[in-house]
């Protein structure tokens, strides 16, 4: 039963399409008490000059590490993280359904 004194105000995403779309292929999480930090980043493999495997190996051995560029760092409560996980799981299920039906939104090639 609804509370007659409760006021419901609709919400809407405004301006999301004005943000840049960034590709993330790395994620790290940290827990600090009741806050969970999610950091999403981008790793770009290094380019190796040289045509021989010897030149490639020499160049690879000279690199101390491959940097990950942080793109965004989010702090969430455990409930917020659970909600995010549910949204991601729902999105994966929808994607799988589209993929099984060969929906054009999930392919990059030619369509029938």
PDB file of N, CA and C in Angstrom:
ATOM      1  N   UNK A   1       0.838  -1.176   0.000  1.00  0.00           N
ATOM      2  CA  UNK A   1       0.000   0.000   0.000  1.00  0.00           C
ATOM      3  C   UNK A   1       0.887   1.245   0.000  1.00  0.00           C
ATOM      4  N   UNK A   2       0.528   2.191  -0.841  1.00  0.00           N
ATOM      5  CA  UNK A   2       1.329   3.400  -0.960  1.00  0.00           C
ATOM      6  C   UNK A   2       1.013   4.385   0.161  1.00  0.00           C
ATOM      7  N   UNK A   3       2.036   5.106   0.574  1.00  0.00           N
ATOM      8  CA  UNK A   3       1.888   6.147   1.590  1.00  0.00           C
ATOM      9  C   UNK A   3       1.270   7.377   0.918  1.00  0.00           C
ATOM     10  N   UNK A   4       0.103   7.850   1.363  1.00  0.00           N
ATOM     11  CA  UNK A   4      -0.543   8.997   0.706  1.00  0.00           C
ATOM     12  C   UNK A   4       0.255  10.297   0.842  1.00  0.00           C
ATOM     13  N   UNK A   5       1.160  10.367   1.827  1.00  0.00           N
ATOM     14  CA  UNK A   5       1.962  11.574   2.005  1.00  0.00           C
ATOM     15  C   UNK A   5       3.265  11.534   1.201  1.00  0.00           C
ATOM     16  N   UNK A   6       3.528  10.400   0.550  1.00  0.00           N
ATOM     17  CA  UNK A   6       4.771  10.256  -0.213  1.00  0.00           C
ATOM     18  C   UNK A   6       4.652  10.985  -1.545  1.00  0.00           C
ATOM     19  N   UNK A   7       5.675  11.761  -1.859  1.00  0.00           N
ATOM     20  CA  UNK A   7       5.709  12.490  -3.123  1.00  0.00           C
ATOM     21  C   UNK A   7       6.749  11.814  -4.010  1.00  0.00           C
ATOM     22  N   UNK A   8       6.358  11.487  -5.212  1.00  0.00           N
ATOM     23  CA  UNK A   8       7.266  10.856  -6.167  1.00  0.00           C
ATOM     24  C   UNK A   8       7.594  11.862  -7.259  1.00  0.00           C
ATOM     25  N   UNK A   9       8.877  12.093  -7.441  1.00  0.00           N
ATOM     26  CA  UNK A   9       9.341  13.006  -8.478  1.00  0.00           C
ATOM     27  C   UNK A   9      10.170  12.183  -9.457  1.00  0.00           C
ATOM     28  N   UNK A  10       9.826  12.224 -10.749  1.00  0.00           N
ATOM     29  CA  UNK A  10      10.589  11.450 -11.722  1.00  0.00           C
ATOM     30  C   UNK A  10      12.027  11.960 -11.850  1.00  0.00           C
ATOM     31  N   UNK A  11      12.914  11.066 -12.256  1.00  0.00           N
ATOM     32  CA  UNK A  11      14.309  11.428 -12.507  1.00  0.00           C
ATOM     33  C   UNK A  11      14.627  11.130 -13.965  1.00  0.00           C
ATOM     34  N   UNK A  12      15.628  11.811 -14.506  1.00  0.00           N
ATOM     35  CA  UNK A  12      16.037  11.607 -15.897  1.00  0.00           C
ATOM     36  C   UNK A  12      17.526  11.858 -16.026  1.00  0.00           C
ATOM     37  N   UNK A  13      18.184  11.043 -16.848  1.00  0.00           N
ATOM     38  CA  UNK A  13      19.588  11.280 -17.173  1.00  0.00           C
ATOM     39  C   UNK A  13      19.630  12.453 -18.146  1.00  0.00           C
ATOM     40  N   UNK A  14      20.354  13.496 -17.789  1.00  0.00           N
ATOM     41  CA  UNK A  14      20.450  14.685 -18.624  1.00  0.00           C
ATOM     42  C   UNK A  14      21.919  14.958 -18.926  1.00  0.00           C
ATOM     43  N   UNK A  15      22.263  15.067 -20.198  1.00  0.00           N
ATOM     44  CA  UNK A  15      23.620  15.429 -20.586  1.00  0.00           C
ATOM     45  C   UNK A  15      24.601  14.278 -20.698  1.00  0.00           C
ATOM     46  N   UNK A  16      24.161  13.034 -20.483  1.00  0.00           N
ATOM     47  CA  UNK A  16      25.096  11.904 -20.554  1.00  0.00           C
ATOM     48  C   UNK A  16      25.748  11.784 -21.933  1.00  0.00           C
ATOM     49  N   UNK A  17      24.993  12.137 -22.983  1.00  0.00           N
ATOM     50  CA  UNK A  17      25.549  12.030 -24.334  1.00  0.00           C
ATOM     51  C   UNK A  17      26.576  13.109 -24.639  1.00  0.00           C
ATOM     52  N   UNK A  18      26.783  14.038 -23.720  1.00  0.00           N
ATOM     53  CA  UNK A  18      27.787  15.081 -23.916  1.00  0.00           C
ATOM     54  C   UNK A  18      29.159  14.679 -23.371  1.00  0.00           C
ATOM     55  N   UNK A  19      29.213  13.574 -22.646  1.00  0.00           N
ATOM     56  CA  UNK A  19      30.476  13.100 -22.090  1.00  0.00           C
ATOM     57  C   UNK A  19      31.228  12.277 -23.122  1.00  0.00           C
ATOM     58  N   UNK A  20      32.547  12.303 -23.088  1.00  0.00           N
ATOM     59  CA  UNK A  20      33.302  11.462 -24.017  1.00  0.00           C
ATOM     60  C   UNK A  20      33.139   9.987 -23.649  1.00  0.00           C
ATOM     61  N   UNK A  21      33.213   9.135 -24.657  1.00  0.00           N
ATOM     62  CA  UNK A  21      33.179   7.692 -24.440  1.00  0.00           C
ATOM     63  C   UNK A  21      34.629   7.222 -24.388  1.00  0.00           C
ATOM     64  N   UNK A  22      35.008   6.621 -23.277  1.00  0.00           N
ATOM     65  CA  UNK A  22      36.377   6.157 -23.081  1.00  0.00           C
ATOM     66  C   UNK A  22      36.398   4.638 -23.046  1.00  0.00           C
ATOM     67  N   UNK A  23      37.387   4.044 -23.678  1.00  0.00           N
ATOM     68  CA  UNK A  23      37.532   2.592 -23.693  1.00  0.00           C
ATOM     69  C   UNK A  23      38.357   2.161 -22.494  1.00  0.00           C
ATOM     70  N   UNK A  24      37.805   1.282 -21.697  1.00  0.00           N
ATOM     71  CA  UNK A  24      38.513   0.758 -20.529  1.00  0.00           C
ATOM     72  C   UNK A  24      38.712  -0.740 -20.697  1.00  0.00           C
ATOM     73  N   UNK A  25      39.941  -1.187 -20.472  1.00  0.00           N
ATOM     74  CA  UNK A  25      40.217  -2.624 -20.530  1.00  0.00           C
ATOM     75  C   UNK A  25      40.914  -3.129 -19.264  1.00  0.00           C
ATOM     76  N   UNK A  26      40.936  -2.291 -18.228  1.00  0.00           N
ATOM     77  CA  UNK A  26      41.552  -2.664 -16.951  1.00  0.00           C
ATOM     78  C   UNK A  26      40.677  -2.153 -15.812  1.00  0.00           C
ATOM     79  N   UNK A  27      40.629  -2.890 -14.720  1.00  0.00           N
ATOM     80  CA  UNK A  27      39.876  -2.444 -13.546  1.00  0.00           C
ATOM     81  C   UNK A  27      40.580  -2.957 -12.294  1.00  0.00           C
ATOM     82  N   UNK A  28      40.569  -2.138 -11.269  1.00  0.00           N
ATOM     83  CA  UNK A  28      41.112  -2.537  -9.977  1.00  0.00           C
ATOM     84  C   UNK A  28      40.133  -2.055  -8.912  1.00  0.00           C
ATOM     85  N   UNK A  29      39.999  -2.824  -7.855  1.00  0.00           N
ATOM     86  CA  UNK A  29      39.112  -2.446  -6.765  1.00  0.00           C
ATOM     87  C   UNK A  29      39.884  -2.385  -5.465  1.00  0.00           C
ATOM     88  N   UNK A  30      39.389  -1.549  -4.560  1.00  0.00           N
ATOM     89  CA  UNK A  30      39.957  -1.435  -3.218  1.00  0.00           C
ATOM     90  C   UNK A  30      38.807  -1.287  -2.236  1.00  0.00           C
ATOM     91  N   UNK A  31      38.968  -1.850  -1.056  1.00  0.00           N
ATOM     92  CA  UNK A  31      37.954  -1.738  -0.012  1.00  0.00           C
ATOM     93  C   UNK A  31      38.557  -0.994   1.158  1.00  0.00           C
ATOM     94  N   UNK A  32      37.847   0.028   1.618  1.00  0.00           N
ATOM     95  CA  UNK A  32      38.274   0.805   2.781  1.00  0.00           C
ATOM     96  C   UNK A  32      37.063   0.982   3.689  1.00  0.00           C
ATOM     97  N   UNK A  33      36.916   0.104   4.644  1.00  0.00           N
ATOM     98  CA  UNK A  33      35.755   0.160   5.526  1.00  0.00           C
ATOM     99  C   UNK A  33      34.486  -0.098   4.749  1.00  0.00           C
ATOM    100  N   UNK A  34      33.587   0.874   4.754  1.00  0.00           N
ATOM    101  CA  UNK A  34      32.308   0.738   4.059  1.00  0.00           C
ATOM    102  C   UNK A  34      32.301   1.402   2.683  1.00  0.00           C
ATOM    103  N   UNK A  35      33.480   1.698   2.163  1.00  0.00           N
ATOM    104  CA  UNK A  35      33.582   2.315   0.841  1.00  0.00           C
ATOM    105  C   UNK A  35      34.385   1.388  -0.064  1.00  0.00           C
ATOM    106  N   UNK A  36      33.862   1.184  -1.272  1.00  0.00           N
ATOM    107  CA  UNK A  36      34.562   0.391  -2.282  1.00  0.00           C
ATOM    108  C   UNK A  36      34.972   1.341  -3.394  1.00  0.00           C
ATOM    109  N   UNK A  37      36.246   1.296  -3.751  1.00  0.00           N
ATOM    110  CA  UNK A  37      36.773   2.128  -4.830  1.00  0.00           C
ATOM    111  C   UNK A  37      36.928   1.265  -6.077  1.00  0.00           C
ATOM    112  N   UNK A  38      36.420   1.770  -7.189  1.00  0.00           N
ATOM    113  CA  UNK A  38      36.597   1.136  -8.491  1.00  0.00           C
ATOM    114  C   UNK A  38      37.402   2.094  -9.349  1.00  0.00           C
ATOM    115  N   UNK A  39      38.516   1.629  -9.864  1.00  0.00           N
ATOM    116  CA  UNK A  39      39.314   2.440 -10.768  1.00  0.00           C
ATOM    117  C   UNK A  39      39.347   1.734 -12.110  1.00  0.00           C
ATOM    118  N   UNK A  40      38.882   2.426 -13.146  1.00  0.00           N
ATOM    119  CA  UNK A  40      38.898   1.878 -14.497  1.00  0.00           C
ATOM    120  C   UNK A  40      40.008   2.568 -15.272  1.00  0.00           C
ATOM    121  N   UNK A  41      40.725   1.778 -16.037  1.00  0.00           N
ATOM    122  CA  UNK A  41      41.854   2.320 -16.767  1.00  0.00           C
ATOM    123  C   UNK A  41      41.992   1.725 -18.152  1.00  0.00           C
ATOM    124  N   UNK A  42      43.030   2.185 -18.831  1.00  0.00           N
ATOM    125  CA  UNK A  42      43.288   1.766 -20.204  1.00  0.00           C
ATOM    126  C   UNK A  42      44.750   1.378 -20.348  1.00  0.00           C
ATOM    127  N   UNK A  43      44.971   0.176 -20.827  1.00  0.00           N
ATOM    128  CA  UNK A  43      46.316  -0.306 -21.115  1.00  0.00           C
ATOM    129  C   UNK A  43      46.466  -0.399 -22.631  1.00  0.00           C
ATOM    130  N   UNK A  44      47.480   0.251 -23.151  1.00  0.00           N
ATOM    131  CA  UNK A  44      47.781   0.170 -24.582  1.00  0.00           C
ATOM    132  C   UNK A  44      49.110  -0.573 -24.706  1.00  0.00           C
ATOM    133  N   UNK A  45      49.113  -1.712 -25.391  1.00  0.00           N
ATOM    134  CA  UNK A  45      50.363  -2.457 -25.521  1.00  0.00           C
ATOM    135  C   UNK A  45      51.429  -1.619 -26.220  1.00  0.00           C
ATOM    136  N   UNK A  46      52.670  -1.757 -25.804  1.00  0.00           N
ATOM    137  CA  UNK A  46      53.728  -0.978 -26.450  1.00  0.00           C
ATOM    138  C   UNK A  46      53.979  -1.465 -27.870  1.00  0.00           C
ATOM    139  N   UNK A  47      54.424  -0.536 -28.700  1.00  0.00           N
ATOM    140  CA  UNK A  47      54.807  -0.879 -30.069  1.00  0.00           C
ATOM    141  C   UNK A  47      56.287  -1.221 -30.062  1.00  0.00           C
ATOM    142  N   UNK A  48      56.642  -2.281 -30.749  1.00  0.00           N
ATOM    143  CA  UNK A  48      58.038  -2.717 -30.808  1.00  0.00           C
ATOM    144  C   UNK A  48      58.556  -2.589 -32.231  1.00  0.00           C
ATOM    145  N   UNK A  49      59.559  -1.734 -32.408  1.00  0.00           N
ATOM    146  CA  UNK A  49      60.161  -1.657 -33.738  1.00  0.00           C
ATOM    147  C   UNK A  49      61.059  -2.868 -33.974  1.00  0.00           C
ATOM    148  N   UNK A  50      61.381  -3.080 -35.186  1.00  0.00           N
ATOM    149  CA  UNK A  50      62.298  -4.181 -35.505  1.00  0.00           C
ATOM    150  C   UNK A  50      61.571  -5.307 -36.194  1.00  0.00           C
ATOM    151  N   UNK A  51      62.298  -5.949 -37.050  1.00  0.00           N
ATOM    152  CA  UNK A  51      61.690  -6.991 -37.868  1.00  0.00           C
ATOM    153  C   UNK A  51      62.060  -8.387 -37.397  1.00  0.00           C
ATOM    154  N   UNK A  52      63.077  -8.491 -36.571  1.00  0.00           N
ATOM    155  CA  UNK A  52      63.500  -9.825 -36.139  1.00  0.00           C
ATOM    156  C   UNK A  52      63.010 -10.109 -34.727  1.00  0.00           C
ATOM    157  N   UNK A  53      62.933 -11.383 -34.409  1.00  0.00           N
ATOM    158  CA  UNK A  53      62.513 -11.741 -33.062  1.00  0.00           C
ATOM    159  C   UNK A  53      63.561 -11.301 -32.047  1.00  0.00           C
ATOM    160  N   UNK A  54      64.821 -11.238 -32.468  1.00  0.00           N
ATOM    161  CA  UNK A  54      65.876 -10.773 -31.564  1.00  0.00           C
ATOM    162  C   UNK A  54      65.663  -9.298 -31.208  1.00  0.00           C
ATOM    163  N   UNK A  55      65.344  -8.477 -32.199  1.00  0.00           N
ATOM    164  CA  UNK A  55      65.088  -7.049 -31.949  1.00  0.00           C
ATOM    165  C   UNK A  55      63.837  -6.878 -31.087  1.00  0.00           C
ATOM    166  N   UNK A  56      62.826  -7.699 -31.351  1.00  0.00           N
ATOM    167  CA  UNK A  56      61.595  -7.647 -30.570  1.00  0.00           C
ATOM    168  C   UNK A  56      61.892  -8.003 -29.116  1.00  0.00           C
ATOM    169  N   UNK A  57      62.592  -9.085 -28.883  1.00  0.00           N
ATOM    170  CA  UNK A  57      62.919  -9.519 -27.520  1.00  0.00           C
ATOM    171  C   UNK A  57      63.760  -8.487 -26.794  1.00  0.00           C
ATOM    172  N   UNK A  58      64.707  -7.887 -27.491  1.00  0.00           N
ATOM    173  CA  UNK A  58      65.566  -6.868 -26.885  1.00  0.00           C
ATOM    174  C   UNK A  58      64.737  -5.654 -26.456  1.00  0.00           C
ATOM    175  N   UNK A  59      63.831  -5.235 -27.329  1.00  0.00           N
ATOM    176  CA  UNK A  59      62.977  -4.087 -27.007  1.00  0.00           C
ATOM    177  C   UNK A  59      62.045  -4.421 -25.838  1.00  0.00           C
ATOM    178  N   UNK A  60      61.482  -5.623 -25.838  1.00  0.00           N
ATOM    179  CA  UNK A  60      60.559  -6.024 -24.769  1.00  0.00           C
ATOM    180  C   UNK A  60      61.272  -6.099 -23.421  1.00  0.00           C
ATOM    181  N   UNK A  61      62.489  -6.589 -23.417  1.00  0.00           N
ATOM    182  CA  UNK A  61      63.235  -6.727 -22.165  1.00  0.00           C
ATOM    183  C   UNK A  61      63.654  -5.380 -21.588  1.00  0.00           C
ATOM    184  N   UNK A  62      63.666  -4.352 -22.403  1.00  0.00           N
ATOM    185  CA  UNK A  62      64.086  -3.034 -21.927  1.00  0.00           C
ATOM    186  C   UNK A  62      62.946  -2.258 -21.258  1.00  0.00           C
ATOM    187  N   UNK A  63      61.729  -2.780 -21.336  1.00  0.00           N
ATOM    188  CA  UNK A  63      60.565  -2.087 -20.762  1.00  0.00           C
ATOM    189  C   UNK A  63      60.359  -2.569 -19.332  1.00  0.00           C
ATOM    190  N   UNK A  64      60.434  -1.663 -18.340  1.00  0.00           N
ATOM    191  CA  UNK A  64      60.262  -2.095 -16.944  1.00  0.00           C
ATOM    192  C   UNK A  64      58.818  -2.447 -16.600  1.00  0.00           C
ATOM    193  N   UNK A  65      57.849  -1.784 -17.237  1.00  0.00           N
ATOM    194  CA  UNK A  65      56.427  -2.080 -17.030  1.00  0.00           C
ATOM    195  C   UNK A  65      55.625  -1.392 -18.122  1.00  0.00           C
ATOM    196  N   UNK A  66      54.393  -1.848 -18.306  1.00  0.00           N
ATOM    197  CA  UNK A  66      53.470  -1.212 -19.236  1.00  0.00           C
ATOM    198  C   UNK A  66      52.487  -0.411 -18.391  1.00  0.00           C
ATOM    199  N   UNK A  67      52.405   0.901 -18.595  1.00  0.00           N
ATOM    200  CA  UNK A  67      51.541   1.724 -17.745  1.00  0.00           C
ATOM    201  C   UNK A  67      50.059   1.532 -18.073  1.00  0.00           C
ATOM    202  N   UNK A  68      49.242   1.672 -17.044  1.00  0.00           N
ATOM    203  CA  UNK A  68      47.793   1.712 -17.195  1.00  0.00           C
ATOM    204  C   UNK A  68      47.367   3.143 -16.887  1.00  0.00           C
ATOM    205  N   UNK A  69      46.691   3.774 -17.849  1.00  0.00           N
ATOM    206  CA  UNK A  69      46.225   5.154 -17.664  1.00  0.00           C
ATOM    207  C   UNK A  69      44.865   5.124 -16.966  1.00  0.00           C
ATOM    208  N   UNK A  70      44.770   5.659 -15.743  1.00  0.00           N
ATOM    209  CA  UNK A  70      43.468   5.708 -15.075  1.00  0.00           C
ATOM    210  C   UNK A  70      42.510   6.622 -15.838  1.00  0.00           C
ATOM    211  N   UNK A  71      41.273   6.173 -15.985  1.00  0.00           N
ATOM    212  CA  UNK A  71      40.249   6.958 -16.669  1.00  0.00           C
ATOM    213  C   UNK A  71      39.247   7.562 -15.700  1.00  0.00           C
ATOM    214  N   UNK A  72      38.867   6.772 -14.687  1.00  0.00           N
ATOM    215  CA  UNK A  72      37.896   7.243 -13.704  1.00  0.00           C
ATOM    216  C   UNK A  72      38.072   6.433 -12.428  1.00  0.00           C
ATOM    217  N   UNK A  73      37.830   7.097 -11.309  1.00  0.00           N
ATOM    218  CA  UNK A  73      37.873   6.424 -10.006  1.00  0.00           C
ATOM    219  C   UNK A  73      36.558   6.708  -9.309  1.00  0.00           C
ATOM    220  N   UNK A  74      35.857   5.660  -8.938  1.00  0.00           N
ATOM    221  CA  UNK A  74      34.543   5.772  -8.319  1.00  0.00           C
ATOM    222  C   UNK A  74      34.596   5.228  -6.902  1.00  0.00           C
ATOM    223  N   UNK A  75      33.854   5.841  -5.999  1.00  0.00           N
ATOM    224  CA  UNK A  75      33.701   5.337  -4.639  1.00  0.00           C
ATOM    225  C   UNK A  75      32.230   5.002  -4.459  1.00  0.00           C
ATOM    226  N   UNK A  76      31.972   3.792  -3.940  1.00  0.00           N
ATOM    227  CA  UNK A  76      30.592   3.337  -3.793  1.00  0.00           C
ATOM    228  C   UNK A  76      30.402   2.666  -2.445  1.00  0.00           C
ATOM    229  N   UNK A  77      29.158   2.667  -1.988  1.00  0.00           N
ATOM    230  CA  UNK A  77      28.809   1.894  -0.807  1.00  0.00           C
ATOM    231  C   UNK A  77      28.628   0.438  -1.243  1.00  0.00           C
ATOM    232  N   UNK A  78      28.629  -0.497  -0.312  1.00  0.00           N
ATOM    233  CA  UNK A  78      28.366  -1.892  -0.685  1.00  0.00           C
ATOM    234  C   UNK A  78      27.013  -2.047  -1.410  1.00  0.00           C
ATOM    235  N   UNK A  79      25.972  -1.340  -0.958  1.00  0.00           N
ATOM    236  CA  UNK A  79      24.675  -1.422  -1.638  1.00  0.00           C
ATOM    237  C   UNK A  79      24.762  -0.878  -3.061  1.00  0.00           C
ATOM    238  N   UNK A  80      25.503   0.210  -3.245  1.00  0.00           N
ATOM    239  CA  UNK A  80      25.693   0.759  -4.580  1.00  0.00           C
ATOM    240  C   UNK A  80      26.425  -0.208  -5.489  1.00  0.00           C
ATOM    241  N   UNK A  81      27.420  -0.903  -4.938  1.00  0.00           N
ATOM    242  CA  UNK A  81      28.171  -1.888  -5.716  1.00  0.00           C
ATOM    243  C   UNK A  81      27.272  -3.061  -6.089  1.00  0.00           C
ATOM    244  N   UNK A  82      26.420  -3.500  -5.165  1.00  0.00           N
ATOM    245  CA  UNK A  82      25.472  -4.586  -5.470  1.00  0.00           C
ATOM    246  C   UNK A  82      24.515  -4.161  -6.591  1.00  0.00           C
ATOM    247  N   UNK A  83      24.056  -2.917  -6.533  1.00  0.00           N
ATOM    248  CA  UNK A  83      23.162  -2.406  -7.579  1.00  0.00           C
ATOM    249  C   UNK A  83      23.889  -2.362  -8.922  1.00  0.00           C
ATOM    250  N   UNK A  84      25.137  -1.908  -8.922  1.00  0.00           N
ATOM    251  CA  UNK A  84      25.933  -1.882 -10.150  1.00  0.00           C
ATOM    252  C   UNK A  84      26.114  -3.295 -10.697  1.00  0.00           C
ATOM    253  N   UNK A  85      26.417  -4.240  -9.826  1.00  0.00           N
ATOM    254  CA  UNK A  85      26.599  -5.628 -10.258  1.00  0.00           C
ATOM    255  C   UNK A  85      25.321  -6.170 -10.894  1.00  0.00           C
ATOM    256  N   UNK A  86      24.158  -5.836 -10.323  1.00  0.00           N
ATOM    257  CA  UNK A  86      22.879  -6.292 -10.875  1.00  0.00           C
ATOM    258  C   UNK A  86      22.638  -5.675 -12.255  1.00  0.00           C
ATOM    259  N   UNK A  87      22.947  -4.393 -12.400  1.00  0.00           N
ATOM    260  CA  UNK A  87      22.774  -3.722 -13.693  1.00  0.00           C
ATOM    261  C   UNK A  87      23.699  -4.348 -14.736  1.00  0.00           C
ATOM    262  N   UNK A  88      24.926  -4.631 -14.357  1.00  0.00           N
ATOM    263  CA  UNK A  88      25.873  -5.256 -15.290  1.00  0.00           C
ATOM    264  C   UNK A  88      25.395  -6.648 -15.682  1.00  0.00           C
ATOM    265  N   UNK A  89      24.923  -7.429 -14.724  1.00  0.00           N
ATOM    266  CA  UNK A  89      24.430  -8.780 -15.020  1.00  0.00           C
ATOM    267  C   UNK A  89      23.234  -8.722 -15.966  1.00  0.00           C
ATOM    268  N   UNK A  90      22.318  -7.799 -15.756  1.00  0.00           N
ATOM    269  CA  UNK A  90      21.165  -7.635 -16.645  1.00  0.00           C
ATOM    270  C   UNK A  90      21.618  -7.261 -18.052  1.00  0.00           C
ATOM    271  N   UNK A  91      22.606  -6.393 -18.143  1.00  0.00           N
ATOM    272  CA  UNK A  91      23.131  -5.967 -19.449  1.00  0.00           C
ATOM    273  C   UNK A  91      23.789  -7.142 -20.168  1.00  0.00           C
ATOM    274  N   UNK A  92      24.532  -7.967 -19.445  1.00  0.00           N
ATOM    275  CA  UNK A  92      25.158  -9.151 -20.049  1.00  0.00           C
ATOM    276  C   UNK A  92      24.092 -10.096 -20.583  1.00  0.00           C
ATOM    277  N   UNK A  93      23.032 -10.301 -19.827  1.00  0.00           N
ATOM    278  CA  UNK A  93      21.941 -11.175 -20.277  1.00  0.00           C
ATOM    279  C   UNK A  93      21.284 -10.627 -21.537  1.00  0.00           C
ATOM    280  N   UNK A  94      21.037  -9.320 -21.573  1.00  0.00           N
ATOM    281  CA  UNK A  94      20.441  -8.698 -22.762  1.00  0.00           C
ATOM    282  C   UNK A  94      21.371  -8.831 -23.964  1.00  0.00           C
ATOM    283  N   UNK A  95      22.658  -8.607 -23.739  1.00  0.00           N
ATOM    284  CA  UNK A  95      23.632  -8.730 -24.827  1.00  0.00           C
ATOM    285  C   UNK A  95      23.628 -10.156 -25.370  1.00  0.00           C
ATOM    286  N   UNK A  96      23.647 -11.141 -24.467  1.00  0.00           N
ATOM    287  CA  UNK A  96      23.649 -12.543 -24.895  1.00  0.00           C
ATOM    288  C   UNK A  96      22.409 -12.876 -25.710  1.00  0.00           C
ATOM    289  N   UNK A  97      21.247 -12.347 -25.318  1.00  0.00           N
ATOM    290  CA  UNK A  97      20.014 -12.581 -26.075  1.00  0.00           C
ATOM    291  C   UNK A  97      20.100 -11.961 -27.466  1.00  0.00           C
ATOM    292  N   UNK A  98      20.635 -10.742 -27.559  1.00  0.00           N
ATOM    293  CA  UNK A  98      20.784 -10.089 -28.862  1.00  0.00           C
ATOM    294  C   UNK A  98      21.770 -10.853 -29.737  1.00  0.00           C
ATOM    295  N   UNK A  99      22.835 -11.328 -29.125  1.00  0.00           N
ATOM    296  CA  UNK A  99      23.856 -12.059 -29.871  1.00  0.00           C
ATOM    297  C   UNK A  99      23.285 -13.369 -30.427  1.00  0.00           C
ATOM    298  N   UNK A 100      22.470 -14.051 -29.638  1.00  0.00           N
ATOM    299  CA  UNK A 100      21.880 -15.324 -30.075  1.00  0.00           C
ATOM    300  C   UNK A 100      20.904 -15.131 -31.229  1.00  0.00           C
ATOM    301  N   UNK A 101      20.283 -13.964 -31.321  1.00  0.00           N
ATOM    302  CA  UNK A 101      19.330 -13.702 -32.400  1.00  0.00           C
ATOM    303  C   UNK A 101      19.987 -12.980 -33.568  1.00  0.00           C
ATOM    304  N   UNK A 102      21.323 -12.849 -33.523  1.00  0.00           N
ATOM    305  CA  UNK A 102      22.074 -12.143 -34.568  1.00  0.00           C
ATOM    306  C   UNK A 102      21.557 -10.724 -34.771  1.00  0.00           C
ATOM    307  N   UNK A 103      21.191 -10.086 -33.680  1.00  0.00           N
ATOM    308  CA  UNK A 103      20.737  -8.706 -33.740  1.00  0.00           C
ATOM    309  C   UNK A 103      21.884  -7.840 -34.264  1.00  0.00           C
ATOM    310  N   UNK A 104      21.640  -6.940 -35.220  1.00  0.00           N
ATOM    311  CA  UNK A 104      22.720  -6.133 -35.804  1.00  0.00           C
ATOM    312  C   UNK A 104      23.437  -5.240 -34.803  1.00  0.00           C
ATOM    313  N   UNK A 105      22.856  -5.005 -33.635  1.00  0.00           N
ATOM    314  CA  UNK A 105      23.528  -4.175 -32.647  1.00  0.00           C
ATOM    315  C   UNK A 105      24.713  -4.889 -32.013  1.00  0.00           C
ATOM    316  N   UNK A 106      24.873  -6.198 -32.261  1.00  0.00           N
ATOM    317  CA  UNK A 106      25.958  -6.951 -31.622  1.00  0.00           C
ATOM    318  C   UNK A 106      26.982  -7.466 -32.617  1.00  0.00           C
ATOM    319  N   UNK A 107      26.879  -7.113 -33.889  1.00  0.00           N
ATOM    320  CA  UNK A 107      27.832  -7.605 -34.894  1.00  0.00           C
ATOM    321  C   UNK A 107      28.459  -6.420 -35.613  1.00  0.00           C
ATOM    322  N   UNK A 108      29.614  -6.658 -36.245  1.00  0.00           N
ATOM    323  CA  UNK A 108      30.252  -5.574 -36.985  1.00  0.00           C
ATOM    324  C   UNK A 108      30.293  -5.850 -38.482  1.00  0.00           C
ATOM    325  N   UNK A 109      29.836  -6.997 -38.910  1.00  0.00           N
ATOM    326  CA  UNK A 109      29.918  -7.331 -40.315  1.00  0.00           C
ATOM    327  C   UNK A 109      28.651  -6.992 -41.077  1.00  0.00           C
ATOM    328  N   UNK A 110      28.546  -7.606 -42.256  1.00  0.00           N
ATOM    329  CA  UNK A 110      27.368  -7.370 -43.080  1.00  0.00           C
ATOM    330  C   UNK A 110      26.176  -8.099 -42.476  1.00  0.00           C
ATOM    331  N   UNK A 111      24.993  -7.598 -42.784  1.00  0.00           N
ATOM    332  CA  UNK A 111      23.762  -8.168 -42.236  1.00  0.00           C
ATOM    333  C   UNK A 111      22.904  -8.697 -43.360  1.00  0.00           C
ATOM    334  N   UNK A 112      22.082  -9.704 -43.032  1.00  0.00           N
ATOM    335  CA  UNK A 112      21.162 -10.279 -44.026  1.00  0.00           C
ATOM    336  C   UNK A 112      20.069  -9.307 -44.380  1.00  0.00           C
TER     337      UNK A 112
END
